[in-house]
PDB file of N, CA and C in Angstrom:
ATOM      1  N   MET A   1      67.792 104.325 118.564  1.00  0.00           N
ATOM      2  CA  MET A   1      68.600 104.649 117.401  1.00  0.00           C
ATOM      3  C   MET A   1      68.305 103.620 116.191  1.00  0.00           C
ATOM      4  N   THR A   2      68.387 103.310 115.364  1.00  0.00           N
ATOM      5  CA  THR A   2      67.604 102.400 114.338  1.00  0.00           C
ATOM      6  C   THR A   2      69.538 101.462 113.675  1.00  0.00           C
ATOM      7  N   ILE A   3      68.930 100.438 113.093  1.00  0.00           N
ATOM      8  CA  ILE A   3      70.611  99.941 113.006  1.00  0.00           C
ATOM      9  C   ILE A   3      70.690 100.610 111.878  1.00  0.00           C
ATOM     10  N   THR A   4      70.287 101.180 110.719  1.00  0.00           N
ATOM     11  CA  THR A   4      70.198 101.766 109.713  1.00  0.00           C
ATOM     12  C   THR A   4      71.296 102.929 110.030  1.00  0.00           C
ATOM     13  N   ARG A   5      71.057 103.531 111.013  1.00  0.00           N
ATOM     14  CA  ARG A   5      71.331 104.762 111.682  1.00  0.00           C
ATOM     15  C   ARG A   5      72.757 104.570 112.517  1.00  0.00           C
ATOM     16  N   LEU A   6      72.645 103.481 112.759  1.00  0.00           N
ATOM     17  CA  LEU A   6      74.031 103.022 113.402  1.00  0.00           C
ATOM     18  C   LEU A   6      74.765 102.566 112.880  1.00  0.00           C
ATOM     19  N   LEU A   7      74.425 101.749 111.279  1.00  0.00           N
ATOM     20  CA  LEU A   7      75.314 101.357 110.813  1.00  0.00           C
ATOM     21  C   LEU A   7      75.964 102.746 109.548  1.00  0.00           C
ATOM     22  N   ARG A   8      75.365 103.465 109.612  1.00  0.00           N
ATOM     23  CA  ARG A   8      75.893 105.042 108.790  1.00  0.00           C
ATOM     24  C   ARG A   8      76.785 105.480 109.882  1.00  0.00           C
ATOM     25  N   LEU A   9      76.639 105.146 110.853  1.00  0.00           N
ATOM     26  CA  LEU A   9      77.691 106.241 111.630  1.00  0.00           C
ATOM     27  C   LEU A   9      78.952 105.694 111.766  1.00  0.00           C
ATOM     28  N   ALA A  10      78.655 104.176 111.922  1.00  0.00           N
ATOM     29  CA  ALA A  10      79.613 103.276 112.180  1.00  0.00           C
ATOM     30  C   ALA A  10      80.639 103.662 110.562  1.00  0.00           C
ATOM     31  N   ALA A  11      79.571 103.397 109.422  1.00  0.00           N
ATOM     32  CA  ALA A  11      80.352 103.778 107.926  1.00  0.00           C
ATOM     33  C   ALA A  11      81.118 104.861 107.997  1.00  0.00           C
ATOM     34  N   THR A  12      80.285 106.150 108.232  1.00  0.00           N
ATOM     35  CA  THR A  12      80.881 107.773 108.048  1.00  0.00           C
ATOM     36  C   THR A  12      82.339 107.575 108.970  1.00  0.00           C
ATOM     37  N   ALA A  13      82.590 106.720 109.913  1.00  0.00           N
ATOM     38  CA  ALA A  13      83.254 107.097 111.032  1.00  0.00           C
ATOM     39  C   ALA A  13      84.700 105.868 110.437  1.00  0.00           C
ATOM     40  N   LEU A  14      84.173 104.674 109.780  1.00  0.00           N
ATOM     41  CA  LEU A  14      85.294 103.944 109.488  1.00  0.00           C
ATOM     42  C   LEU A  14      85.725 104.786 107.830  1.00  0.00           C
ATOM     43  N   LEU A  15      85.137 105.262 106.581  1.00  0.00           N
ATOM     44  CA  LEU A  15      85.164 105.992 105.661  1.00  0.00           C
ATOM     45  C   LEU A  15      86.353 107.217 106.075  1.00  0.00           C
ATOM     46  N   LEU A  16      85.571 107.997 106.590  1.00  0.00           N
ATOM     47  CA  LEU A  16      86.394 109.205 107.069  1.00  0.00           C
ATOM     48  C   LEU A  16      87.914 109.246 107.216  1.00  0.00           C
ATOM     49  N   SER A  17      88.537 108.714 107.866  1.00  0.00           N
ATOM     50  CA  SER A  17      89.930 108.031 107.829  1.00  0.00           C
ATOM     51  C   SER A  17      90.537 107.081 107.080  1.00  0.00           C
ATOM     52  N   ALA A  18      90.756 107.352 106.157  1.00  0.00           N
ATOM     53  CA  ALA A  18      91.352 106.162 105.268  1.00  0.00           C
ATOM     54  C   ALA A  18      92.286 106.550 104.162  1.00  0.00           C
ATOM     55  N   PRO A  19      93.552 107.150 105.076  1.00  0.00           N
ATOM     56  CA  PRO A  19      94.726 107.378 104.591  1.00  0.00           C
ATOM     57  C   PRO A  19      95.306 105.956 104.323  1.00  0.00           C
ATOM     58  N   LEU A  20      96.454 105.992 103.563  1.00  0.00           N
ATOM     59  CA  LEU A  20      97.009 105.153 102.762  1.00  0.00           C
ATOM     60  C   LEU A  20      97.432 103.788 104.091  1.00  0.00           C
ATOM     61  N   VAL A  21      97.846 104.093 104.677  1.00  0.00           N
ATOM     62  CA  VAL A  21      98.239 103.517 105.956  1.00  0.00           C
ATOM     63  C   VAL A  21      96.359 102.317 106.041  1.00  0.00           C
ATOM     64  N   HIS A  22      95.818 103.071 106.034  1.00  0.00           N
ATOM     65  CA  HIS A  22      94.273 102.554 106.565  1.00  0.00           C
ATOM     66  C   HIS A  22      93.688 101.685 105.343  1.00  0.00           C
ATOM     67  N   ALA A  23      93.923 102.317 104.253  1.00  0.00           N
ATOM     68  CA  ALA A  23      93.369 101.736 102.810  1.00  0.00           C
ATOM     69  C   ALA A  23      94.387 100.279 102.824  1.00  0.00           C
ATOM     70  N   GLU A  24      95.600 100.113 103.346  1.00  0.00           N
ATOM     71  CA  GLU A  24      96.231  98.789 103.344  1.00  0.00           C
ATOM     72  C   GLU A  24      95.547  98.537 104.312  1.00  0.00           C
ATOM     73  N   ASN A  25      95.105  98.411 105.429  1.00  0.00           N
ATOM     74  CA  ASN A  25      94.336  98.028 106.712  1.00  0.00           C
ATOM     75  C   ASN A  25      92.954  97.223 105.964  1.00  0.00           C
ATOM     76  N   LEU A  26      92.165  97.852 105.089  1.00  0.00           N
ATOM     77  CA  LEU A  26      91.131  97.559 104.103  1.00  0.00           C
ATOM     78  C   LEU A  26      91.217  96.664 103.293  1.00  0.00           C
ATOM     79  N   ASP A  27      92.316  96.707 102.951  1.00  0.00           N
ATOM     80  CA  ASP A  27      92.568  95.504 101.689  1.00  0.00           C
ATOM     81  C   ASP A  27      93.141  94.302 102.641  1.00  0.00           C
ATOM     82  N   VAL A  28      93.418  94.551 103.780  1.00  0.00           N
ATOM     83  CA  VAL A  28      93.911  93.055 104.263  1.00  0.00           C
ATOM     84  C   VAL A  28      93.062  92.835 104.913  1.00  0.00           C
ATOM     85  N   LEU A  29      91.647  93.358 105.365  1.00  0.00           N
ATOM     86  CA  LEU A  29      90.663  92.755 106.195  1.00  0.00           C
ATOM     87  C   LEU A  29      89.465  92.408 104.958  1.00  0.00           C
ATOM     88  N   MET A  30      89.319  93.025 103.787  1.00  0.00           N
ATOM     89  CA  MET A  30      88.474  92.585 102.857  1.00  0.00           C
ATOM     90  C   MET A  30      89.112  91.110 102.499  1.00  0.00           C
ATOM     91  N   SER A  31      90.315  90.960 101.744  1.00  0.00           N
ATOM     92  CA  SER A  31      90.664  89.994 101.103  1.00  0.00           C
ATOM     93  C   SER A  31      90.991  88.716 102.481  1.00  0.00           C
ATOM     94  N   GLN A  32      90.160  88.915 103.515  1.00  0.00           N
ATOM     95  CA  GLN A  32      90.172  87.726 104.393  1.00  0.00           C
ATOM     96  C   GLN A  32      88.805  87.415 104.546  1.00  0.00           C
ATOM     97  N   VAL A  33      87.489  88.436 104.099  1.00  0.00           N
ATOM     98  CA  VAL A  33      86.144  88.016 104.451  1.00  0.00           C
ATOM     99  C   VAL A  33      85.714  86.323 103.942  1.00  0.00           C
ATOM    100  N   PHE A  34      86.191  86.333 102.990  1.00  0.00           N
ATOM    101  CA  PHE A  34      85.759  85.053 102.272  1.00  0.00           C
ATOM    102  C   PHE A  34      87.008  83.617 101.996  1.00  0.00           C
ATOM    103  N   PRO A  35      86.689  82.721 101.760  1.00  0.00           N
ATOM    104  CA  PRO A  35      87.512  81.502 101.361  1.00  0.00           C
ATOM    105  C   PRO A  35      87.878  81.915 100.009  1.00  0.00           C
ATOM    106  N   GLU A  36      88.953  81.784  99.244  1.00  0.00           N
ATOM    107  CA  GLU A  36      89.005  81.763  97.909  1.00  0.00           C
ATOM    108  C   GLU A  36      87.977  80.880  96.680  1.00  0.00           C
ATOM    109  N   ALA A  37      87.488  80.046  97.384  1.00  0.00           N
ATOM    110  CA  ALA A  37      86.645  78.803  96.703  1.00  0.00           C
ATOM    111  C   ALA A  37      85.216  79.639  96.138  1.00  0.00           C
ATOM    112  N   GLN A  38      85.094  80.851  97.332  1.00  0.00           N
ATOM    113  CA  GLN A  38      83.764  81.176  97.286  1.00  0.00           C
ATOM    114  C   GLN A  38      83.218  82.837  96.652  1.00  0.00           C
ATOM    115  N   ALA A  39      84.763  83.398  97.112  1.00  0.00           N
ATOM    116  CA  ALA A  39      84.581  84.948  96.566  1.00  0.00           C
ATOM    117  C   ALA A  39      86.396  85.549  95.996  1.00  0.00           C
ATOM    118  N   THR A  40      86.403  86.332  95.511  1.00  0.00           N
ATOM    119  CA  THR A  40      87.671  87.307  95.408  1.00  0.00           C
ATOM    120  C   THR A  40      87.478  88.522  96.021  1.00  0.00           C
ATOM    121  N   TYR A  41      87.989  89.292  96.942  1.00  0.00           N
ATOM    122  CA  TYR A  41      88.242  90.579  96.684  1.00  0.00           C
ATOM    123  C   TYR A  41      89.042  91.343  95.676  1.00  0.00           C
ATOM    124  N   ILE A  42      87.913  92.571  95.314  1.00  0.00           N
ATOM    125  CA  ILE A  42      88.931  92.865  93.947  1.00  0.00           C
ATOM    126  C   ILE A  42      89.540  94.494  94.186  1.00  0.00           C
ATOM    127  N   GLY A  43      89.153  95.303  95.377  1.00  0.00           N
ATOM    128  CA  GLY A  43      89.616  96.407  95.814  1.00  0.00           C
ATOM    129  C   GLY A  43      88.503  96.901  95.936  1.00  0.00           C
ATOM    130  N   TYR A  44      88.611  98.167  96.403  1.00  0.00           N
ATOM    131  CA  TYR A  44      87.742  99.478  96.675  1.00  0.00           C
ATOM    132  C   TYR A  44      88.085 100.471  96.071  1.00  0.00           C
ATOM    133  N   GLU A  45      86.612 101.742  95.833  1.00  0.00           N
ATOM    134  CA  GLU A  45      87.147 102.645  95.298  1.00  0.00           C
ATOM    135  C   GLU A  45      86.317 103.913  95.986  1.00  0.00           C
ATOM    136  N   SER A  46      87.051 104.941  96.240  1.00  0.00           N
ATOM    137  CA  SER A  46      86.095 105.842  96.471  1.00  0.00           C
ATOM    138  C   SER A  46      85.530 106.829  95.747  1.00  0.00           C
ATOM    139  N   VAL A  47      84.069 107.223  96.009  1.00  0.00           N
ATOM    140  CA  VAL A  47      83.495 107.927  95.152  1.00  0.00           C
ATOM    141  C   VAL A  47      82.891 109.327  95.603  1.00  0.00           C
ATOM    142  N   GLU A  48      83.124 110.467  94.921  1.00  0.00           N
ATOM    143  CA  GLU A  48      82.397 111.927  95.404  1.00  0.00           C
ATOM    144  C   GLU A  48      80.880 111.697  94.989  1.00  0.00           C
ATOM    145  N   ARG A  49      80.122 111.850  95.350  1.00  0.00           N
ATOM    146  CA  ARG A  49      78.711 112.404  94.848  1.00  0.00           C
ATOM    147  C   ARG A  49      78.624 113.836  94.111  1.00  0.00           C
ATOM    148  N   GLN A  50      78.335 114.155  93.196  1.00  0.00           N
ATOM    149  CA  GLN A  50      77.911 115.550  93.189  1.00  0.00           C
ATOM    150  C   GLN A  50      76.708 115.874  92.618  1.00  0.00           C
ATOM    151  N   ASP A  51      75.971 114.835  92.973  1.00  0.00           N
ATOM    152  CA  ASP A  51      74.475 115.463  93.140  1.00  0.00           C
ATOM    153  C   ASP A  51      74.392 115.726  94.439  1.00  0.00           C
ATOM    154  N   ILE A  52      75.062 116.061  95.199  1.00  0.00           N
ATOM    155  CA  ILE A  52      74.836 116.510  96.840  1.00  0.00           C
ATOM    156  C   ILE A  52      75.524 117.746  96.529  1.00  0.00           C
ATOM    157  N   PRO A  53      75.232 118.973  96.665  1.00  0.00           N
ATOM    158  CA  PRO A  53      76.048 120.090  96.995  1.00  0.00           C
ATOM    159  C   PRO A  53      76.964 120.403  98.011  1.00  0.00           C
ATOM    160  N   ALA A  54      78.579 121.005  97.671  1.00  0.00           N
ATOM    161  CA  ALA A  54      79.322 120.887  98.769  1.00  0.00           C
ATOM    162  C   ALA A  54      78.851 121.404  99.712  1.00  0.00           C
ATOM    163  N   SER A  55      78.057 121.953 100.231  1.00  0.00           N
ATOM    164  CA  SER A  55      77.410 122.886 101.377  1.00  0.00           C
ATOM    165  C   SER A  55      76.805 122.305 102.011  1.00  0.00           C
ATOM    166  N   ALA A  56      75.956 121.201 101.549  1.00  0.00           N
ATOM    167  CA  ALA A  56      75.238 120.341 102.285  1.00  0.00           C
ATOM    168  C   ALA A  56      75.579 120.089 103.684  1.00  0.00           C
ATOM    169  N   ALA A  57      75.024 119.757 104.688  1.00  0.00           N
ATOM    170  CA  ALA A  57      75.528 119.055 105.898  1.00  0.00           C
ATOM    171  C   ALA A  57      75.742 117.513 105.620  1.00  0.00           C
ATOM    172  N   VAL A  58      75.698 116.869 104.833  1.00  0.00           N
ATOM    173  CA  VAL A  58      75.660 115.257 104.705  1.00  0.00           C
ATOM    174  C   VAL A  58      77.143 115.318 103.914  1.00  0.00           C
ATOM    175  N   GLU A  59      77.820 114.297 104.032  1.00  0.00           N
ATOM    176  CA  GLU A  59      79.170 114.134 103.550  1.00  0.00           C
ATOM    177  C   GLU A  59      78.854 113.597 102.034  1.00  0.00           C
ATOM    178  N   ARG A  60      79.555 113.641 101.305  1.00  0.00           N
ATOM    179  CA  ARG A  60      79.391 113.267  99.587  1.00  0.00           C
ATOM    180  C   ARG A  60      80.582 112.199  99.292  1.00  0.00           C
ATOM    181  N   LYS A  61      80.927 111.546 100.029  1.00  0.00           N
ATOM    182  CA  LYS A  61      81.658 110.199  99.965  1.00  0.00           C
ATOM    183  C   LYS A  61      81.142 109.220 100.206  1.00  0.00           C
ATOM    184  N   TYR A  62      81.665 108.253  99.474  1.00  0.00           N
ATOM    185  CA  TYR A  62      81.100 107.139  99.671  1.00  0.00           C
ATOM    186  C   TYR A  62      82.375 105.897  99.396  1.00  0.00           C
ATOM    187  N   LEU A  63      82.578 104.647  99.742  1.00  0.00           N
ATOM    188  CA  LEU A  63      83.131 103.771  99.346  1.00  0.00           C
ATOM    189  C   LEU A  63      82.668 102.442  98.957  1.00  0.00           C
ATOM    190  N   ILE A  64      83.205 101.850  97.688  1.00  0.00           N
ATOM    191  CA  ILE A  64      82.650 100.972  97.301  1.00  0.00           C
ATOM    192  C   ILE A  64      83.656  99.877  97.254  1.00  0.00           C
ATOM    193  N   VAL A  65      83.172  98.798  97.910  1.00  0.00           N
ATOM    194  CA  VAL A  65      84.278  97.578  98.069  1.00  0.00           C
ATOM    195  C   VAL A  65      84.072  96.327  97.454  1.00  0.00           C
ATOM    196  N   ASP A  66      84.970  95.858  96.182  1.00  0.00           N
ATOM    197  CA  ASP A  66      84.394  94.899  95.317  1.00  0.00           C
ATOM    198  C   ASP A  66      84.683  93.950  95.470  1.00  0.00           C
ATOM    199  N   PHE A  67      83.838  92.485  95.293  1.00  0.00           N
ATOM    200  CA  PHE A  67      83.838  91.332  95.436  1.00  0.00           C
ATOM    201  C   PHE A  67      83.838  90.760  94.150  1.00  0.00           C
ATOM    202  N   ARG A  68      84.316  89.625  93.480  1.00  0.00           N
ATOM    203  CA  ARG A  68      83.745  88.871  92.775  1.00  0.00           C
ATOM    204  C   ARG A  68      83.302  87.381  93.282  1.00  0.00           C
ATOM    205  N   LEU A  69      82.527  86.862  93.044  1.00  0.00           N
ATOM    206  CA  LEU A  69      81.520  85.782  93.470  1.00  0.00           C
ATOM    207  C   LEU A  69      82.015  84.575  92.646  1.00  0.00           C
ATOM    208  N   ALA A  70      82.890  83.251  93.264  1.00  0.00           N
ATOM    209  CA  ALA A  70      82.922  82.367  92.003  1.00  0.00           C
ATOM    210  C   ALA A  70      81.828  81.775  91.801  1.00  0.00           C
ATOM    211  N   SER A  71      80.381  81.799  91.915  1.00  0.00           N
ATOM    212  CA  SER A  71      79.351  80.977  90.921  1.00  0.00           C
ATOM    213  C   SER A  71      78.858  82.227  90.496  1.00  0.00           C
ATOM    214  N   ASN A  72      78.547  82.284  89.181  1.00  0.00           N
ATOM    215  CA  ASN A  72      77.590  83.351  88.794  1.00  0.00           C
ATOM    216  C   ASN A  72      75.919  83.078  89.090  1.00  0.00           C
ATOM    217  N   ASP A  73      76.011  81.758  89.103  1.00  0.00           N
ATOM    218  CA  ASP A  73      74.334  81.482  89.581  1.00  0.00           C
ATOM    219  C   ASP A  73      74.247  81.343  91.309  1.00  0.00           C
ATOM    220  N   THR A  74      74.734  82.692  92.056  1.00  0.00           N
ATOM    221  CA  THR A  74      74.050  82.869  93.055  1.00  0.00           C
ATOM    222  C   THR A  74      72.778  83.182  93.562  1.00  0.00           C
ATOM    223  N   ALA A  75      72.223  82.359  94.285  1.00  0.00           N
ATOM    224  CA  ALA A  75      70.832  82.914  94.978  1.00  0.00           C
ATOM    225  C   ALA A  75      70.846  83.773  95.565  1.00  0.00           C
ATOM    226  N   SER A  76      69.746  84.680  95.904  1.00  0.00           N
ATOM    227  CA  SER A  76      69.408  85.935  96.374  1.00  0.00           C
ATOM    228  C   SER A  76      69.654  85.347  97.897  1.00  0.00           C
ATOM    229  N   GLU A  77      69.635  84.652  98.380  1.00  0.00           N
ATOM    230  CA  GLU A  77      69.842  84.253  99.693  1.00  0.00           C
ATOM    231  C   GLU A  77      71.395  84.274 100.162  1.00  0.00           C
ATOM    232  N   GLN A  78      71.878  83.854  98.844  1.00  0.00           N
ATOM    233  CA  GLN A  78      73.208  83.615  99.123  1.00  0.00           C
ATOM    234  C   GLN A  78      74.175  84.966  99.023  1.00  0.00           C
ATOM    235  N   LEU A  79      73.698  86.042  98.241  1.00  0.00           N
ATOM    236  CA  LEU A  79      73.866  87.214  98.001  1.00  0.00           C
ATOM    237  C   LEU A  79      73.786  87.824  99.283  1.00  0.00           C
ATOM    238  N   GLN A  80      72.435  87.724 100.047  1.00  0.00           N
ATOM    239  CA  GLN A  80      72.161  88.626 100.887  1.00  0.00           C
ATOM    240  C   GLN A  80      73.389  88.359 102.042  1.00  0.00           C
ATOM    241  N   ALA A  81      73.460  87.001 102.321  1.00  0.00           N
ATOM    242  CA  ALA A  81      74.060  86.399 103.234  1.00  0.00           C
ATOM    243  C   ALA A  81      75.795  87.087 103.355  1.00  0.00           C
ATOM    244  N   SER A  82      75.930  87.150 102.213  1.00  0.00           N
ATOM    245  CA  SER A  82      77.712  87.438 101.760  1.00  0.00           C
ATOM    246  C   SER A  82      77.883  89.296 101.976  1.00  0.00           C
ATOM    247  N   VAL A  83      76.791  90.028 101.596  1.00  0.00           N
ATOM    248  CA  VAL A  83      76.799  91.333 102.066  1.00  0.00           C
ATOM    249  C   VAL A  83      76.922  91.486 103.229  1.00  0.00           C
ATOM    250  N   HIS A  84      75.767  90.785 104.432  1.00  0.00           N
ATOM    251  CA  HIS A  84      75.827  90.829 105.470  1.00  0.00           C
ATOM    252  C   HIS A  84      77.356  90.632 106.095  1.00  0.00           C
ATOM    253  N   LYS A  85      78.556  89.632 105.399  1.00  0.00           N
ATOM    254  CA  LYS A  85      79.332  89.204 105.896  1.00  0.00           C
ATOM    255  C   LYS A  85      80.349  90.248 105.472  1.00  0.00           C
ATOM    256  N   VAL A  86      80.376  90.666 104.812  1.00  0.00           N
ATOM    257  CA  VAL A  86      81.291  92.035 104.531  1.00  0.00           C
ATOM    258  C   VAL A  86      81.061  93.005 105.240  1.00  0.00           C
ATOM    259  N   CYS A  87      79.667  93.307 105.151  1.00  0.00           N
ATOM    260  CA  CYS A  87      79.273  94.536 106.010  1.00  0.00           C
ATOM    261  C   CYS A  87      79.612  94.594 108.072  1.00  0.00           C
ATOM    262  N   MET A  88      79.558  93.257 108.425  1.00  0.00           N
ATOM    263  CA  MET A  88      79.740  92.673 109.543  1.00  0.00           C
ATOM    264  C   MET A  88      81.214  93.402 109.986  1.00  0.00           C
ATOM    265  N   THR A  89      81.978  92.349 108.985  1.00  0.00           N
ATOM    266  CA  THR A  89      83.454  92.513 109.179  1.00  0.00           C
ATOM    267  C   THR A  89      83.845  93.700 109.197  1.00  0.00           C
ATOM    268  N   LEU A  90      83.240  94.788 108.615  1.00  0.00           N
ATOM    269  CA  LEU A  90      83.934  96.052 108.609  1.00  0.00           C
ATOM    270  C   LEU A  90      83.253  96.791 109.328  1.00  0.00           C
ATOM    271  N   LEU A  91      82.191  96.138 109.989  1.00  0.00           N
ATOM    272  CA  LEU A  91      81.426  97.305 111.503  1.00  0.00           C
ATOM    273  C   LEU A  91      82.050  96.834 112.684  1.00  0.00           C
ATOM    274  N   LYS A  92      82.596  95.346 112.441  1.00  0.00           N
ATOM    275  CA  LYS A  92      83.303  95.229 113.750  1.00  0.00           C
ATOM    276  C   LYS A  92      84.774  95.545 113.939  1.00  0.00           C
ATOM    277  N   ASP A  93      85.705  96.409 112.911  1.00  0.00           N
ATOM    278  CA  ASP A  93      86.678  96.687 113.115  1.00  0.00           C
ATOM    279  C   ASP A  93      86.609  98.425 113.721  1.00  0.00           C
ATOM    280  N   ARG A  94      85.976  98.337 114.782  1.00  0.00           N
ATOM    281  CA  ARG A  94      85.923 100.138 115.111  1.00  0.00           C
ATOM    282  C   ARG A  94      86.876 101.116 114.533  1.00  0.00           C
ATOM    283  N   ASP A  95      88.121 100.605 115.000  1.00  0.00           N
ATOM    284  CA  ASP A  95      89.038 101.483 114.459  1.00  0.00           C
ATOM    285  C   ASP A  95      89.257 101.885 112.974  1.00  0.00           C
ATOM    286  N   LEU A  96      88.928 101.079 111.493  1.00  0.00           N
ATOM    287  CA  LEU A  96      88.776 101.175 110.408  1.00  0.00           C
ATOM    288  C   LEU A  96      87.504 102.014 110.549  1.00  0.00           C
ATOM    289  N   ILE A  97      86.722 102.123 110.883  1.00  0.00           N
ATOM    290  CA  ILE A  97      85.051 102.238 110.782  1.00  0.00           C
ATOM    291  C   ILE A  97      85.216 104.172 111.234  1.00  0.00           C
ATOM    292  N   ARG A  98      86.313 104.546 112.375  1.00  0.00           N
ATOM    293  CA  ARG A  98      86.480 105.399 112.636  1.00  0.00           C
ATOM    294  C   ARG A  98      87.152 106.381 111.680  1.00  0.00           C
ATOM    295  N   GLN A  99      88.473 105.858 111.429  1.00  0.00           N
ATOM    296  CA  GLN A  99      89.117 106.477 110.612  1.00  0.00           C
ATOM    297  C   GLN A  99      88.430 106.875 108.765  1.00  0.00           C
ATOM    298  N   LEU A 100      87.702 105.871 109.136  1.00  0.00           N
ATOM    299  CA  LEU A 100      86.879 106.300 107.541  1.00  0.00           C
ATOM    300  C   LEU A 100      85.982 107.652 107.758  1.00  0.00           C
ATOM    301  N   SER A 101      85.188 107.486 108.783  1.00  0.00           N
ATOM    302  CA  SER A 101      84.764 108.290 109.101  1.00  0.00           C
ATOM    303  C   SER A 101      85.382 109.900 109.250  1.00  0.00           C
ATOM    304  N   ASP A 102      86.292 109.226 109.685  1.00  0.00           N
ATOM    305  CA  ASP A 102      87.264 111.128 110.231  1.00  0.00           C
ATOM    306  C   ASP A 102      87.550 111.344 108.808  1.00  0.00           C
ATOM    307  N   SER A 103      87.528 110.528 107.410  1.00  0.00           N
ATOM    308  CA  SER A 103      88.130 110.748 106.423  1.00  0.00           C
ATOM    309  C   SER A 103      87.333 111.733 105.116  1.00  0.00           C
ATOM    310  N   GLY A 104      85.628 111.605 105.666  1.00  0.00           N
ATOM    311  CA  GLY A 104      84.755 112.310 105.259  1.00  0.00           C
ATOM    312  C   GLY A 104      83.429 111.221 104.743  1.00  0.00           C
ATOM    313  N   TYR A 105      84.122 109.832 105.055  1.00  0.00           N
ATOM    314  CA  TYR A 105      83.038 109.033 104.191  1.00  0.00           C
ATOM    315  C   TYR A 105      81.684 108.897 105.043  1.00  0.00           C
ATOM    316  N   ASP A 106      80.750 109.180 104.291  1.00  0.00           N
ATOM    317  CA  ASP A 106      79.362 108.458 105.053  1.00  0.00           C
ATOM    318  C   ASP A 106      78.440 106.887 104.847  1.00  0.00           C
ATOM    319  N   MET A 107      79.121 106.461 103.640  1.00  0.00           N
ATOM    320  CA  MET A 107      78.667 105.018 103.452  1.00  0.00           C
ATOM    321  C   MET A 107      79.523 104.479 102.903  1.00  0.00           C
ATOM    322  N   VAL A 108      79.211 102.920 102.947  1.00  0.00           N
ATOM    323  CA  VAL A 108      80.104 101.835 102.434  1.00  0.00           C
ATOM    324  C   VAL A 108      79.146 101.244 101.547  1.00  0.00           C
ATOM    325  N   SER A 109      79.205 100.644 100.402  1.00  0.00           N
ATOM    326  CA  SER A 109      78.576  99.946  99.457  1.00  0.00           C
ATOM    327  C   SER A 109      79.545  98.489  98.978  1.00  0.00           C
ATOM    328  N   VAL A 110      78.656  97.666  99.388  1.00  0.00           N
ATOM    329  CA  VAL A 110      79.320  95.946  98.712  1.00  0.00           C
ATOM    330  C   VAL A 110      78.492  95.998  97.283  1.00  0.00           C
ATOM    331  N   ALA A 111      79.849  95.569  95.998  1.00  0.00           N
ATOM    332  CA  ALA A 111      79.487  95.045  94.761  1.00  0.00           C
ATOM    333  C   ALA A 111      80.175  93.681  94.490  1.00  0.00           C
ATOM    334  N   PHE A 112      79.259  92.952  94.347  1.00  0.00           N
ATOM    335  CA  PHE A 112      79.540  91.495  93.691  1.00  0.00           C
ATOM    336  C   PHE A 112      79.685  91.050  92.161  1.00  0.00           C
ATOM    337  N   ASP A 113      79.164  92.364  91.351  1.00  0.00           N
ATOM    338  CA  ASP A 113      79.114  92.503  89.722  1.00  0.00           C
ATOM    339  C   ASP A 113      79.085  94.217  89.827  1.00  0.00           C
ATOM    340  N   ARG A 114      79.750  94.331  88.318  1.00  0.00           N
ATOM    341  CA  ARG A 114      79.452  95.995  88.002  1.00  0.00           C
ATOM    342  C   ARG A 114      78.056  96.115  87.806  1.00  0.00           C
ATOM    343  N   ARG A 115      76.575  95.734  88.179  1.00  0.00           N
ATOM    344  CA  ARG A 115      75.988  96.189  87.880  1.00  0.00           C
ATOM    345  C   ARG A 115      75.184  96.334  89.407  1.00  0.00           C
ATOM    346  N   SER A 116      75.716  95.825  90.381  1.00  0.00           N
ATOM    347  CA  SER A 116      74.826  96.153  91.523  1.00  0.00           C
ATOM    348  C   SER A 116      75.588  96.848  92.782  1.00  0.00           C
ATOM    349  N   GLN A 117      75.101  97.458  93.550  1.00  0.00           N
ATOM    350  CA  GLN A 117      75.990  97.585  94.696  1.00  0.00           C
ATOM    351  C   GLN A 117      74.507  97.853  95.877  1.00  0.00           C
ATOM    352  N   PHE A 118      75.313  97.032  97.150  1.00  0.00           N
ATOM    353  CA  PHE A 118      74.467  96.961  98.430  1.00  0.00           C
ATOM    354  C   PHE A 118      75.354  97.664  99.184  1.00  0.00           C
ATOM    355  N   ASP A 119      74.094  98.646 100.181  1.00  0.00           N
ATOM    356  CA  ASP A 119      74.545  99.807 101.190  1.00  0.00           C
ATOM    357  C   ASP A 119      74.801  98.796 102.468  1.00  0.00           C
ATOM    358  N   CYS A 120      76.116  99.437 102.886  1.00  0.00           N
ATOM    359  CA  CYS A 120      76.570  98.609 104.256  1.00  0.00           C
ATOM    360  C   CYS A 120      75.926  99.588 105.107  1.00  0.00           C
ATOM    361  N   LEU A 121      76.014 100.716 105.165  1.00  0.00           N
ATOM    362  CA  LEU A 121      76.341 101.611 106.024  1.00  0.00           C
ATOM    363  C   LEU A 121      75.509 103.297 105.339  1.00  0.00           C
TER     364      LEU A 121
END
């Protein structure tokens, strides 16, 4: 099984079980990923893709976890490391992954600005 497939499965599990209690857990988890001087957790947004038919075998929901980096002059390597840090934090929380998956989510994306999103799972 490829790493991408494992990440998608983990994200699906995480996203599918996101009732209010779990959303609070997600907020707590994400607010602890970076020190304040490095990045600030803004929040998350649940998105339902309209371009996928409701009858499709794949889920239409995904989660965007939003941060703002302290420095706008972030090098590509630092941005990649930041995405990896967020994604690995999510993946290590198996209960959260399971909850998200049970709630119908099939992907988690990370955003550090309003222009770009990076897929975790």
